[in-house]
Amino acid sequence: MSNLSGRNLGPYRIMEQIGKGGMATVYKSYQPSVDRYVAIKVLPAHFAQDPAFVERFEREARTIARLEHPHILPVYDYGKADDGTTYIVMRYIEAGTLADLLAESVLFLEEGFRIFIQIGEALAYAHAQGVVHRDMKPSNVLIDMHNQAFLTDFGLARMVEGDSSLTGSAILGTPAYMAPEQGEGKPADERSDIYALGIMLYELTTGRRPFEAETPM
């Protein structure tokens, strides 16, 4: 995927690339109509050629955009540009991720529990709405300048589900936080999210993951 910095994507002006992962590239962007910065997550271009993906993307994006919780990163918009670029527009947070925070130092217990409660409440709300995250991990939790946590990337794993050209297999998720059934290629559900949340709690309070080995699974 080429760098989109300096281009316009619909009504948004792409400013700079601020993140890149296996499933998407994230850009800091500007929305002139309301004078605000936003984060735009752009998915690989070849997805636009897959009608099944486009249908799945639109369905999942609508569901995610309806989630309204103080600790879930809001989704403002989603769409497909004329050139086929598929994107999701979210609130821009000028800070870092929980993974960054954990890499710097071990958190005080009080701080770790506070973040855990915020994430847990956000996840419980999503589950009550029938939404499963499927890829719970510290890098999917943003921490703002006021040390508030925001769970993000709901449904992104579901959107690319079944695309072996991106995933390389039918198994989606992050091995260190993946429930055993996910590792066996079985569908993820609310219990899979809760398992991953437990791994995160252990890491928040001890500074390391409970299972560490030479192989990821």
N, C-alpha and C. Protein backbone atom coordinates (compact mmCIF):
# COMPACT_ATOMS: atom_id res chain seq x y z
N MET A 1 0.85 -1.19 0.00
CA MET A 1 0.00 0.00 0.00
C MET A 1 0.89 1.24 0.00
N SER A 2 0.66 2.17 -0.96
CA SER A 2 1.47 3.38 -1.04
C SER A 2 1.06 4.37 0.05
N ASN A 3 1.99 5.25 0.42
CA ASN A 3 1.71 6.25 1.44
C ASN A 3 0.78 7.31 0.87
N LEU A 4 -0.32 7.58 1.56
CA LEU A 4 -1.33 8.52 1.06
C LEU A 4 -1.13 9.93 1.58
N SER A 5 -0.08 10.19 2.32
CA SER A 5 0.15 11.52 2.90
C SER A 5 0.15 12.58 1.81
N GLY A 6 -0.57 13.69 2.08
CA GLY A 6 -0.65 14.79 1.13
C GLY A 6 -1.82 14.70 0.18
N ARG A 7 -2.52 13.58 0.18
CA ARG A 7 -3.66 13.40 -0.72
C ARG A 7 -4.97 13.69 0.01
N ASN A 8 -6.04 13.83 -0.76
CA ASN A 8 -7.37 13.94 -0.20
C ASN A 8 -8.07 12.59 -0.33
N LEU A 9 -8.80 12.22 0.70
CA LEU A 9 -9.59 11.00 0.68
C LEU A 9 -11.02 11.41 1.00
N GLY A 10 -11.83 11.55 -0.04
CA GLY A 10 -13.16 12.11 0.17
C GLY A 10 -13.03 13.51 0.71
N PRO A 11 -13.75 13.85 1.78
CA PRO A 11 -13.66 15.20 2.37
C PRO A 11 -12.50 15.37 3.33
N TYR A 12 -11.63 14.38 3.43
CA TYR A 12 -10.55 14.41 4.41
C TYR A 12 -9.20 14.66 3.75
N ARG A 13 -8.37 15.45 4.41
CA ARG A 13 -7.03 15.75 3.92
C ARG A 13 -6.03 14.91 4.73
N ILE A 14 -5.33 14.01 4.05
CA ILE A 14 -4.37 13.14 4.72
C ILE A 14 -3.13 13.93 5.08
N MET A 15 -2.77 13.93 6.36
CA MET A 15 -1.62 14.70 6.84
C MET A 15 -0.34 13.86 6.90
N GLU A 16 -0.39 12.77 7.67
CA GLU A 16 0.81 11.94 7.83
C GLU A 16 0.44 10.55 8.31
N GLN A 17 1.29 9.59 7.99
CA GLN A 17 1.09 8.23 8.46
C GLN A 17 1.54 8.13 9.92
N ILE A 18 0.67 7.57 10.77
CA ILE A 18 1.01 7.47 12.19
C ILE A 18 1.03 6.03 12.69
N GLY A 19 0.68 5.09 11.83
CA GLY A 19 0.71 3.70 12.26
C GLY A 19 0.49 2.76 11.09
N LYS A 20 1.01 1.55 11.23
CA LYS A 20 0.82 0.56 10.18
C LYS A 20 0.87 -0.83 10.79
N GLY A 21 -0.10 -1.66 10.41
CA GLY A 21 -0.15 -3.03 10.90
C GLY A 21 -0.47 -3.97 9.77
N GLY A 22 -0.71 -5.22 10.13
CA GLY A 22 -0.97 -6.22 9.11
C GLY A 22 -2.28 -6.03 8.38
N MET A 23 -3.25 -5.38 9.05
CA MET A 23 -4.57 -5.25 8.45
C MET A 23 -4.91 -3.84 7.99
N ALA A 24 -4.12 -2.84 8.33
CA ALA A 24 -4.47 -1.47 7.95
C ALA A 24 -3.31 -0.52 8.18
N THR A 25 -3.41 0.65 7.54
CA THR A 25 -2.48 1.76 7.77
C THR A 25 -3.29 2.92 8.33
N VAL A 26 -2.75 3.62 9.33
CA VAL A 26 -3.48 4.70 9.99
C VAL A 26 -2.82 6.05 9.68
N TYR A 27 -3.66 7.04 9.35
CA TYR A 27 -3.17 8.37 9.02
C TYR A 27 -3.84 9.42 9.91
N LYS A 28 -3.03 10.39 10.34
CA LYS A 28 -3.60 11.60 10.94
C LYS A 28 -4.13 12.43 9.78
N SER A 29 -5.38 12.87 9.87
CA SER A 29 -6.02 13.59 8.77
C SER A 29 -6.78 14.79 9.30
N TYR A 30 -7.19 15.65 8.37
CA TYR A 30 -7.91 16.87 8.75
C TYR A 30 -9.24 16.91 8.03
N GLN A 31 -10.29 17.25 8.79
CA GLN A 31 -11.63 17.38 8.24
C GLN A 31 -12.02 18.85 8.26
N PRO A 32 -11.87 19.56 7.13
CA PRO A 32 -12.09 21.02 7.09
C PRO A 32 -13.51 21.43 7.47
N SER A 33 -14.52 20.62 7.12
CA SER A 33 -15.91 21.03 7.34
C SER A 33 -16.24 21.28 8.80
N VAL A 34 -15.57 20.59 9.71
CA VAL A 34 -15.81 20.79 11.14
C VAL A 34 -14.53 21.18 11.88
N ASP A 35 -13.48 21.48 11.13
CA ASP A 35 -12.21 21.96 11.68
C ASP A 35 -11.69 21.05 12.80
N ARG A 36 -11.47 19.79 12.45
CA ARG A 36 -10.94 18.86 13.44
C ARG A 36 -10.00 17.85 12.78
N TYR A 37 -9.11 17.32 13.60
CA TYR A 37 -8.24 16.23 13.14
C TYR A 37 -8.93 14.90 13.43
N VAL A 38 -8.74 13.96 12.55
CA VAL A 38 -9.30 12.62 12.72
C VAL A 38 -8.22 11.60 12.39
N ALA A 39 -8.45 10.37 12.81
CA ALA A 39 -7.57 9.26 12.42
C ALA A 39 -8.31 8.44 11.38
N ILE A 40 -7.65 8.18 10.26
CA ILE A 40 -8.26 7.39 9.20
C ILE A 40 -7.49 6.08 9.05
N LYS A 41 -8.20 4.99 9.19
CA LYS A 41 -7.62 3.66 9.02
C LYS A 41 -7.94 3.19 7.61
N VAL A 42 -6.91 2.97 6.81
CA VAL A 42 -7.07 2.57 5.41
C VAL A 42 -6.72 1.09 5.26
N LEU A 43 -7.64 0.33 4.67
CA LEU A 43 -7.42 -1.09 4.48
C LEU A 43 -6.77 -1.36 3.12
N PRO A 44 -6.08 -2.50 2.97
CA PRO A 44 -5.39 -2.81 1.71
C PRO A 44 -6.30 -2.69 0.49
N ALA A 45 -5.73 -2.15 -0.60
CA ALA A 45 -6.52 -1.81 -1.79
C ALA A 45 -7.22 -3.00 -2.43
N HIS A 46 -6.62 -4.18 -2.34
CA HIS A 46 -7.22 -5.32 -3.06
C HIS A 46 -8.57 -5.74 -2.48
N PHE A 47 -8.88 -5.30 -1.26
CA PHE A 47 -10.17 -5.63 -0.67
C PHE A 47 -11.33 -5.10 -1.51
N ALA A 48 -11.14 -3.93 -2.10
CA ALA A 48 -12.22 -3.29 -2.85
C ALA A 48 -12.68 -4.14 -4.03
N GLN A 49 -11.83 -5.07 -4.48
CA GLN A 49 -12.16 -5.93 -5.61
C GLN A 49 -12.97 -7.16 -5.18
N ASP A 50 -13.16 -7.32 -3.89
CA ASP A 50 -13.85 -8.49 -3.36
C ASP A 50 -15.25 -8.10 -2.89
N PRO A 51 -16.30 -8.43 -3.65
CA PRO A 51 -17.67 -8.04 -3.28
C PRO A 51 -18.07 -8.56 -1.89
N ALA A 52 -17.60 -9.75 -1.54
CA ALA A 52 -17.95 -10.31 -0.22
C ALA A 52 -17.35 -9.46 0.88
N PHE A 53 -16.11 -8.97 0.66
CA PHE A 53 -15.49 -8.12 1.67
C PHE A 53 -16.23 -6.80 1.80
N VAL A 54 -16.57 -6.18 0.66
CA VAL A 54 -17.25 -4.89 0.68
C VAL A 54 -18.55 -4.99 1.47
N GLU A 55 -19.30 -6.07 1.25
CA GLU A 55 -20.55 -6.27 1.97
C GLU A 55 -20.29 -6.46 3.46
N ARG A 56 -19.29 -7.25 3.80
CA ARG A 56 -18.94 -7.51 5.19
C ARG A 56 -18.44 -6.23 5.87
N PHE A 57 -17.62 -5.48 5.14
CA PHE A 57 -17.08 -4.22 5.66
C PHE A 57 -18.20 -3.25 6.02
N GLU A 58 -19.14 -3.06 5.09
CA GLU A 58 -20.22 -2.11 5.32
C GLU A 58 -21.09 -2.55 6.51
N ARG A 59 -21.36 -3.84 6.60
CA ARG A 59 -22.19 -4.34 7.70
C ARG A 59 -21.49 -4.15 9.05
N GLU A 60 -20.21 -4.53 9.11
CA GLU A 60 -19.47 -4.40 10.37
C GLU A 60 -19.25 -2.94 10.74
N ALA A 61 -18.93 -2.10 9.75
CA ALA A 61 -18.67 -0.68 10.03
C ALA A 61 -19.91 0.00 10.59
N ARG A 62 -21.08 -0.32 10.05
CA ARG A 62 -22.32 0.26 10.58
C ARG A 62 -22.52 -0.14 12.04
N THR A 63 -22.26 -1.40 12.33
CA THR A 63 -22.42 -1.89 13.71
C THR A 63 -21.46 -1.18 14.65
N ILE A 64 -20.19 -1.08 14.25
CA ILE A 64 -19.18 -0.45 15.10
C ILE A 64 -19.49 1.03 15.32
N ALA A 65 -19.97 1.71 14.27
CA ALA A 65 -20.25 3.14 14.37
C ALA A 65 -21.37 3.43 15.36
N ARG A 66 -22.21 2.44 15.65
CA ARG A 66 -23.31 2.64 16.59
C ARG A 66 -22.88 2.50 18.05
N LEU A 67 -21.67 2.00 18.28
CA LEU A 67 -21.20 1.84 19.66
C LEU A 67 -20.89 3.20 20.27
N GLU A 68 -21.52 3.51 21.39
CA GLU A 68 -21.30 4.78 22.07
C GLU A 68 -20.99 4.51 23.54
N HIS A 69 -19.72 4.63 23.89
CA HIS A 69 -19.29 4.37 25.27
C HIS A 69 -18.09 5.27 25.56
N PRO A 70 -17.97 5.77 26.79
CA PRO A 70 -16.86 6.68 27.13
C PRO A 70 -15.47 6.10 26.87
N HIS A 71 -15.36 4.76 26.82
CA HIS A 71 -14.04 4.16 26.65
C HIS A 71 -13.93 3.30 25.39
N ILE A 72 -14.78 3.60 24.42
CA ILE A 72 -14.66 3.02 23.08
C ILE A 72 -14.37 4.15 22.12
N LEU A 73 -13.31 4.03 21.33
CA LEU A 73 -12.95 5.09 20.39
C LEU A 73 -14.07 5.27 19.37
N PRO A 74 -14.64 6.48 19.26
CA PRO A 74 -15.77 6.69 18.34
C PRO A 74 -15.36 6.54 16.87
N VAL A 75 -16.25 5.93 16.11
CA VAL A 75 -16.11 5.86 14.65
C VAL A 75 -17.05 6.91 14.07
N TYR A 76 -16.50 7.85 13.29
CA TYR A 76 -17.29 8.94 12.74
C TYR A 76 -17.87 8.61 11.37
N ASP A 77 -17.12 7.87 10.57
CA ASP A 77 -17.50 7.69 9.17
C ASP A 77 -16.77 6.47 8.61
N TYR A 78 -17.22 6.01 7.48
CA TYR A 78 -16.55 4.93 6.76
C TYR A 78 -16.98 5.02 5.30
N GLY A 79 -16.19 4.43 4.42
CA GLY A 79 -16.58 4.49 3.02
C GLY A 79 -15.53 3.92 2.09
N LYS A 80 -15.80 4.07 0.79
CA LYS A 80 -14.88 3.63 -0.24
C LYS A 80 -14.73 4.76 -1.24
N ALA A 81 -13.49 5.22 -1.44
CA ALA A 81 -13.22 6.32 -2.36
C ALA A 81 -13.37 5.86 -3.81
N ASP A 82 -13.36 6.83 -4.74
CA ASP A 82 -13.53 6.52 -6.16
C ASP A 82 -12.47 5.56 -6.68
N ASP A 83 -11.27 5.63 -6.10
CA ASP A 83 -10.19 4.74 -6.56
C ASP A 83 -10.22 3.39 -5.86
N GLY A 84 -11.27 3.15 -5.06
CA GLY A 84 -11.41 1.87 -4.38
C GLY A 84 -10.84 1.81 -2.98
N THR A 85 -10.19 2.89 -2.53
CA THR A 85 -9.61 2.90 -1.18
C THR A 85 -10.72 2.79 -0.13
N THR A 86 -10.62 1.78 0.73
CA THR A 86 -11.61 1.53 1.76
C THR A 86 -11.08 2.05 3.10
N TYR A 87 -11.90 2.82 3.82
CA TYR A 87 -11.38 3.47 5.02
C TYR A 87 -12.43 3.61 6.12
N ILE A 88 -11.93 3.80 7.34
CA ILE A 88 -12.76 4.07 8.51
C ILE A 88 -12.21 5.33 9.18
N VAL A 89 -13.10 6.25 9.56
CA VAL A 89 -12.69 7.51 10.18
C VAL A 89 -13.03 7.47 11.67
N MET A 90 -12.04 7.76 12.51
CA MET A 90 -12.20 7.67 13.96
C MET A 90 -11.70 8.94 14.63
N ARG A 91 -12.00 9.07 15.91
CA ARG A 91 -11.45 10.18 16.70
C ARG A 91 -9.92 10.08 16.71
N TYR A 92 -9.27 11.24 16.60
CA TYR A 92 -7.81 11.27 16.67
C TYR A 92 -7.40 11.55 18.10
N ILE A 93 -6.54 10.70 18.62
CA ILE A 93 -6.02 10.87 19.98
C ILE A 93 -4.51 11.03 19.90
N GLU A 94 -4.04 12.17 20.41
CA GLU A 94 -2.61 12.45 20.35
C GLU A 94 -1.94 11.92 21.62
N ALA A 95 -1.66 10.65 21.60
CA ALA A 95 -1.01 10.02 22.75
C ALA A 95 -0.36 8.74 22.26
N GLY A 96 -0.65 7.63 22.92
CA GLY A 96 -0.05 6.36 22.52
C GLY A 96 -0.98 5.22 22.85
N THR A 97 -0.43 4.02 22.85
CA THR A 97 -1.23 2.84 23.15
C THR A 97 -0.84 2.27 24.51
N LEU A 98 -1.67 1.37 24.99
CA LEU A 98 -1.35 0.68 26.24
C LEU A 98 -0.07 -0.14 26.07
N ALA A 99 0.16 -0.65 24.88
CA ALA A 99 1.39 -1.40 24.61
C ALA A 99 2.62 -0.50 24.80
N ASP A 100 2.52 0.75 24.35
CA ASP A 100 3.62 1.70 24.55
C ASP A 100 3.87 1.93 26.04
N LEU A 101 2.77 2.09 26.77
CA LEU A 101 2.87 2.36 28.21
C LEU A 101 3.52 1.19 28.94
N LEU A 102 3.13 -0.03 28.58
CA LEU A 102 3.68 -1.21 29.22
C LEU A 102 5.16 -1.41 28.88
N ALA A 103 5.54 -0.97 27.68
CA ALA A 103 6.93 -1.12 27.26
C ALA A 103 7.85 -0.18 28.03
N GLU A 104 7.29 0.92 28.52
CA GLU A 104 8.09 1.92 29.24
C GLU A 104 8.39 1.51 30.67
N SER A 105 7.38 0.96 31.35
CA SER A 105 7.57 0.59 32.76
C SER A 105 6.40 -0.24 33.25
N VAL A 106 6.57 -0.86 34.40
CA VAL A 106 5.48 -1.58 35.06
C VAL A 106 4.58 -0.55 35.74
N LEU A 107 3.28 -0.66 35.51
CA LEU A 107 2.35 0.31 36.09
C LEU A 107 2.12 0.03 37.57
N PHE A 108 1.82 1.09 38.32
CA PHE A 108 1.38 0.90 39.70
C PHE A 108 0.07 0.13 39.67
N LEU A 109 -0.17 -0.70 40.70
CA LEU A 109 -1.37 -1.53 40.72
C LEU A 109 -2.64 -0.70 40.55
N GLU A 110 -2.72 0.42 41.25
CA GLU A 110 -3.91 1.27 41.17
C GLU A 110 -4.15 1.73 39.73
N GLU A 111 -3.08 2.14 39.05
CA GLU A 111 -3.21 2.61 37.67
C GLU A 111 -3.59 1.46 36.75
N GLY A 112 -2.98 0.31 36.96
CA GLY A 112 -3.29 -0.86 36.13
C GLY A 112 -4.74 -1.28 36.28
N PHE A 113 -5.24 -1.31 37.51
CA PHE A 113 -6.64 -1.68 37.74
C PHE A 113 -7.60 -0.65 37.16
N ARG A 114 -7.24 0.63 37.23
CA ARG A 114 -8.10 1.68 36.68
C ARG A 114 -8.26 1.50 35.17
N ILE A 115 -7.17 1.25 34.49
CA ILE A 115 -7.22 1.03 33.04
C ILE A 115 -8.00 -0.24 32.73
N PHE A 116 -7.77 -1.29 33.52
CA PHE A 116 -8.47 -2.56 33.31
C PHE A 116 -9.98 -2.38 33.44
N ILE A 117 -10.41 -1.64 34.45
CA ILE A 117 -11.85 -1.41 34.65
C ILE A 117 -12.45 -0.66 33.47
N GLN A 118 -11.74 0.34 32.97
CA GLN A 118 -12.23 1.10 31.81
C GLN A 118 -12.39 0.19 30.59
N ILE A 119 -11.38 -0.64 30.34
CA ILE A 119 -11.43 -1.55 29.20
C ILE A 119 -12.55 -2.58 29.40
N GLY A 120 -12.64 -3.11 30.62
CA GLY A 120 -13.66 -4.11 30.91
C GLY A 120 -15.07 -3.57 30.74
N GLU A 121 -15.30 -2.34 31.18
CA GLU A 121 -16.62 -1.74 31.02
C GLU A 121 -16.95 -1.53 29.55
N ALA A 122 -15.96 -1.10 28.77
CA ALA A 122 -16.16 -0.91 27.33
C ALA A 122 -16.49 -2.23 26.66
N LEU A 123 -15.77 -3.28 27.03
CA LEU A 123 -16.00 -4.59 26.42
C LEU A 123 -17.36 -5.15 26.81
N ALA A 124 -17.75 -4.98 28.08
CA ALA A 124 -19.06 -5.46 28.54
C ALA A 124 -20.17 -4.76 27.78
N TYR A 125 -20.02 -3.46 27.55
CA TYR A 125 -21.01 -2.71 26.78
C TYR A 125 -21.11 -3.26 25.36
N ALA A 126 -19.96 -3.48 24.72
CA ALA A 126 -19.95 -3.98 23.34
C ALA A 126 -20.62 -5.35 23.27
N HIS A 127 -20.32 -6.22 24.22
CA HIS A 127 -20.93 -7.54 24.23
C HIS A 127 -22.44 -7.44 24.41
N ALA A 128 -22.90 -6.49 25.22
CA ALA A 128 -24.34 -6.30 25.41
C ALA A 128 -25.02 -5.86 24.12
N GLN A 129 -24.24 -5.23 23.22
CA GLN A 129 -24.77 -4.81 21.93
C GLN A 129 -24.60 -5.90 20.87
N GLY A 130 -24.06 -7.05 21.28
CA GLY A 130 -23.86 -8.15 20.34
C GLY A 130 -22.60 -8.05 19.51
N VAL A 131 -21.64 -7.23 19.96
CA VAL A 131 -20.40 -7.02 19.20
C VAL A 131 -19.24 -7.71 19.91
N VAL A 132 -18.51 -8.55 19.18
CA VAL A 132 -17.32 -9.23 19.70
C VAL A 132 -16.09 -8.56 19.09
N HIS A 133 -15.06 -8.31 19.91
CA HIS A 133 -13.87 -7.62 19.41
C HIS A 133 -13.02 -8.51 18.52
N ARG A 134 -12.65 -9.69 19.03
CA ARG A 134 -11.88 -10.71 18.30
C ARG A 134 -10.37 -10.49 18.28
N ASP A 135 -9.88 -9.33 18.70
CA ASP A 135 -8.43 -9.12 18.71
C ASP A 135 -8.04 -8.20 19.87
N MET A 136 -8.43 -8.58 21.08
CA MET A 136 -8.11 -7.79 22.27
C MET A 136 -6.61 -7.89 22.56
N LYS A 137 -5.95 -6.75 22.69
CA LYS A 137 -4.53 -6.70 23.02
C LYS A 137 -4.17 -5.26 23.37
N PRO A 138 -3.05 -5.03 24.06
CA PRO A 138 -2.69 -3.67 24.49
C PRO A 138 -2.53 -2.67 23.35
N SER A 139 -2.10 -3.10 22.18
CA SER A 139 -1.94 -2.15 21.08
C SER A 139 -3.27 -1.70 20.50
N ASN A 140 -4.37 -2.35 20.90
CA ASN A 140 -5.70 -1.91 20.48
C ASN A 140 -6.40 -1.11 21.57
N VAL A 141 -5.63 -0.65 22.54
CA VAL A 141 -6.14 0.26 23.57
C VAL A 141 -5.33 1.55 23.49
N LEU A 142 -5.99 2.66 23.19
CA LEU A 142 -5.32 3.95 23.13
C LEU A 142 -5.41 4.63 24.49
N ILE A 143 -4.34 5.33 24.87
CA ILE A 143 -4.30 6.08 26.13
C ILE A 143 -4.09 7.54 25.79
N ASP A 144 -5.04 8.41 26.20
CA ASP A 144 -4.92 9.82 25.84
C ASP A 144 -4.05 10.58 26.85
N MET A 145 -3.97 11.89 26.67
CA MET A 145 -3.10 12.72 27.51
C MET A 145 -3.59 12.82 28.94
N HIS A 146 -4.84 12.42 29.18
CA HIS A 146 -5.40 12.43 30.54
C HIS A 146 -5.42 11.02 31.14
N ASN A 147 -4.69 10.11 30.49
CA ASN A 147 -4.59 8.71 30.94
C ASN A 147 -5.92 7.98 30.94
N GLN A 148 -6.79 8.36 30.00
CA GLN A 148 -8.04 7.65 29.80
C GLN A 148 -7.85 6.61 28.69
N ALA A 149 -8.43 5.43 28.89
CA ALA A 149 -8.26 4.33 27.93
C ALA A 149 -9.43 4.27 26.95
N PHE A 150 -9.11 3.94 25.69
CA PHE A 150 -10.12 3.82 24.65
C PHE A 150 -9.87 2.53 23.86
N LEU A 151 -10.84 1.65 23.88
CA LEU A 151 -10.74 0.40 23.13
C LEU A 151 -11.06 0.69 21.66
N THR A 152 -10.23 0.17 20.76
CA THR A 152 -10.42 0.45 19.34
C THR A 152 -10.30 -0.82 18.52
N ASP A 153 -10.52 -0.69 17.23
CA ASP A 153 -10.41 -1.79 16.25
C ASP A 153 -11.44 -2.89 16.46
N PHE A 154 -12.63 -2.54 16.93
CA PHE A 154 -13.71 -3.52 17.00
C PHE A 154 -14.04 -4.02 15.60
N GLY A 155 -14.14 -5.33 15.45
CA GLY A 155 -14.63 -5.89 14.20
C GLY A 155 -13.66 -5.90 13.05
N LEU A 156 -12.46 -5.32 13.20
CA LEU A 156 -11.54 -5.28 12.06
C LEU A 156 -11.13 -6.69 11.65
N ALA A 157 -10.90 -7.56 12.63
CA ALA A 157 -10.54 -8.94 12.30
C ALA A 157 -11.69 -9.63 11.57
N ARG A 158 -12.93 -9.31 11.95
CA ARG A 158 -14.10 -9.91 11.28
C ARG A 158 -14.19 -9.43 9.84
N MET A 159 -13.82 -8.19 9.59
CA MET A 159 -13.90 -7.64 8.24
C MET A 159 -13.00 -8.38 7.26
N VAL A 160 -11.81 -8.79 7.73
CA VAL A 160 -10.87 -9.45 6.83
C VAL A 160 -10.94 -10.97 6.94
N GLU A 161 -11.90 -11.46 7.70
CA GLU A 161 -12.03 -12.89 7.93
C GLU A 161 -12.16 -13.62 6.60
N GLY A 162 -11.37 -14.67 6.44
CA GLY A 162 -11.47 -15.47 5.23
C GLY A 162 -10.59 -15.02 4.10
N ASP A 163 -9.89 -13.89 4.24
CA ASP A 163 -9.00 -13.42 3.18
C ASP A 163 -7.60 -13.97 3.44
N SER A 164 -7.29 -15.12 2.84
CA SER A 164 -6.01 -15.78 3.10
C SER A 164 -4.84 -15.02 2.52
N SER A 165 -5.08 -14.13 1.55
CA SER A 165 -3.98 -13.36 0.98
C SER A 165 -3.43 -12.38 1.99
N LEU A 166 -4.25 -12.02 2.99
CA LEU A 166 -3.78 -11.10 4.02
C LEU A 166 -3.38 -11.85 5.28
N THR A 167 -4.21 -12.82 5.69
CA THR A 167 -3.96 -13.49 6.96
C THR A 167 -2.99 -14.65 6.85
N GLY A 168 -2.91 -15.25 5.67
CA GLY A 168 -2.03 -16.39 5.49
C GLY A 168 -2.64 -17.68 6.03
N SER A 169 -3.75 -17.59 6.73
CA SER A 169 -4.44 -18.77 7.26
C SER A 169 -5.82 -18.35 7.69
N ALA A 170 -6.59 -19.30 8.20
CA ALA A 170 -7.94 -18.98 8.67
C ALA A 170 -7.92 -18.44 10.09
N ILE A 171 -6.76 -18.47 10.75
CA ILE A 171 -6.67 -18.03 12.14
C ILE A 171 -6.37 -16.55 12.21
N LEU A 172 -7.24 -15.79 12.85
CA LEU A 172 -7.05 -14.36 13.00
C LEU A 172 -6.93 -14.01 14.49
N GLY A 173 -6.07 -13.07 14.79
CA GLY A 173 -5.88 -12.66 16.17
C GLY A 173 -4.39 -12.54 16.46
N THR A 174 -4.08 -12.28 17.73
CA THR A 174 -2.69 -12.14 18.16
C THR A 174 -2.38 -13.29 19.11
N PRO A 175 -1.46 -14.19 18.74
CA PRO A 175 -1.24 -15.43 19.49
C PRO A 175 -1.10 -15.27 21.00
N ALA A 176 -0.36 -14.27 21.46
CA ALA A 176 -0.12 -14.11 22.90
C ALA A 176 -1.40 -13.85 23.69
N TYR A 177 -2.44 -13.35 23.03
CA TYR A 177 -3.69 -13.01 23.71
C TYR A 177 -4.85 -13.87 23.22
N MET A 178 -4.55 -14.87 22.42
CA MET A 178 -5.58 -15.65 21.76
C MET A 178 -6.06 -16.80 22.63
N ALA A 179 -7.37 -16.95 22.75
CA ALA A 179 -7.94 -18.07 23.49
C ALA A 179 -7.63 -19.38 22.76
N PRO A 180 -7.55 -20.50 23.49
CA PRO A 180 -7.21 -21.78 22.86
C PRO A 180 -8.08 -22.12 21.66
N GLU A 181 -9.38 -21.85 21.75
CA GLU A 181 -10.26 -22.20 20.63
C GLU A 181 -9.94 -21.39 19.37
N GLN A 182 -9.49 -20.14 19.56
CA GLN A 182 -9.08 -19.35 18.40
C GLN A 182 -7.83 -19.94 17.77
N GLY A 183 -6.92 -20.42 18.61
CA GLY A 183 -5.70 -21.03 18.10
C GLY A 183 -5.98 -22.29 17.30
N GLU A 184 -7.13 -22.91 17.56
CA GLU A 184 -7.53 -24.10 16.81
C GLU A 184 -8.33 -23.75 15.57
N GLY A 185 -8.49 -22.44 15.32
CA GLY A 185 -9.23 -22.01 14.14
C GLY A 185 -10.73 -21.96 14.32
N LYS A 186 -11.20 -22.10 15.57
CA LYS A 186 -12.63 -22.03 15.84
C LYS A 186 -13.07 -20.57 15.95
N PRO A 187 -14.36 -20.28 15.71
CA PRO A 187 -14.84 -18.89 15.77
C PRO A 187 -14.66 -18.28 17.16
N ALA A 188 -14.32 -17.00 17.19
CA ALA A 188 -14.20 -16.27 18.45
C ALA A 188 -15.58 -15.80 18.90
N ASP A 189 -15.78 -15.73 20.22
CA ASP A 189 -17.01 -15.17 20.75
C ASP A 189 -16.67 -14.34 21.99
N GLU A 190 -17.68 -13.98 22.78
CA GLU A 190 -17.46 -13.14 23.94
C GLU A 190 -16.45 -13.75 24.91
N ARG A 191 -16.46 -15.07 25.03
CA ARG A 191 -15.53 -15.74 25.95
C ARG A 191 -14.08 -15.57 25.51
N SER A 192 -13.87 -15.53 24.19
CA SER A 192 -12.52 -15.32 23.67
C SER A 192 -12.00 -13.94 24.06
N ASP A 193 -12.89 -12.94 23.98
CA ASP A 193 -12.52 -11.58 24.39
C ASP A 193 -12.17 -11.53 25.88
N ILE A 194 -12.97 -12.23 26.69
CA ILE A 194 -12.75 -12.21 28.14
C ILE A 194 -11.42 -12.90 28.48
N TYR A 195 -11.10 -13.96 27.78
CA TYR A 195 -9.81 -14.64 27.98
C TYR A 195 -8.67 -13.66 27.72
N ALA A 196 -8.75 -12.95 26.58
CA ALA A 196 -7.71 -11.99 26.22
C ALA A 196 -7.63 -10.86 27.25
N LEU A 197 -8.79 -10.44 27.77
CA LEU A 197 -8.81 -9.40 28.79
C LEU A 197 -8.09 -9.87 30.05
N GLY A 198 -8.24 -11.15 30.39
CA GLY A 198 -7.54 -11.70 31.54
C GLY A 198 -6.03 -11.69 31.34
N ILE A 199 -5.58 -11.99 30.13
CA ILE A 199 -4.15 -11.92 29.81
C ILE A 199 -3.65 -10.49 30.00
N MET A 200 -4.46 -9.53 29.55
CA MET A 200 -4.09 -8.12 29.68
C MET A 200 -4.02 -7.69 31.14
N LEU A 201 -4.95 -8.18 31.97
CA LEU A 201 -4.93 -7.86 33.40
C LEU A 201 -3.64 -8.37 34.04
N TYR A 202 -3.26 -9.58 33.70
CA TYR A 202 -2.01 -10.15 34.22
C TYR A 202 -0.83 -9.26 33.83
N GLU A 203 -0.82 -8.85 32.57
CA GLU A 203 0.29 -8.02 32.08
C GLU A 203 0.28 -6.64 32.73
N LEU A 204 -0.91 -6.09 32.96
CA LEU A 204 -1.01 -4.78 33.60
C LEU A 204 -0.47 -4.79 35.02
N THR A 205 -0.64 -5.90 35.71
CA THR A 205 -0.26 -5.96 37.13
C THR A 205 1.13 -6.55 37.38
N THR A 206 1.69 -7.25 36.39
CA THR A 206 3.01 -7.87 36.59
C THR A 206 4.06 -7.35 35.63
N GLY A 207 3.62 -6.73 34.54
CA GLY A 207 4.58 -6.24 33.55
C GLY A 207 4.98 -7.26 32.51
N ARG A 208 4.41 -8.46 32.59
CA ARG A 208 4.72 -9.48 31.57
C ARG A 208 3.49 -10.35 31.32
N ARG A 209 3.50 -11.07 30.21
CA ARG A 209 2.39 -11.96 29.90
C ARG A 209 2.54 -13.28 30.66
N PRO A 210 1.44 -13.97 30.93
CA PRO A 210 1.51 -15.21 31.73
C PRO A 210 2.19 -16.36 31.02
N PHE A 211 2.11 -16.37 29.69
CA PHE A 211 2.70 -17.47 28.93
C PHE A 211 3.76 -16.91 28.00
N GLU A 212 5.00 -17.29 28.23
CA GLU A 212 6.09 -16.83 27.39
C GLU A 212 6.92 -18.03 26.97
N ALA A 213 7.10 -18.18 25.64
CA ALA A 213 7.85 -19.31 25.12
C ALA A 213 8.48 -18.91 23.80
N GLU A 214 9.28 -19.82 23.24
CA GLU A 214 9.95 -19.52 21.98
C GLU A 214 8.98 -19.49 20.81
N THR A 215 7.89 -20.24 20.91
CA THR A 215 6.88 -20.24 19.86
C THR A 215 5.65 -19.50 20.34
N PRO A 216 4.87 -18.87 19.42
CA PRO A 216 3.74 -18.03 19.83
C PRO A 216 2.54 -18.80 20.34
N MET A 217 2.39 -20.07 19.99
CA MET A 217 1.21 -20.83 20.38
C MET A 217 1.59 -22.02 21.26
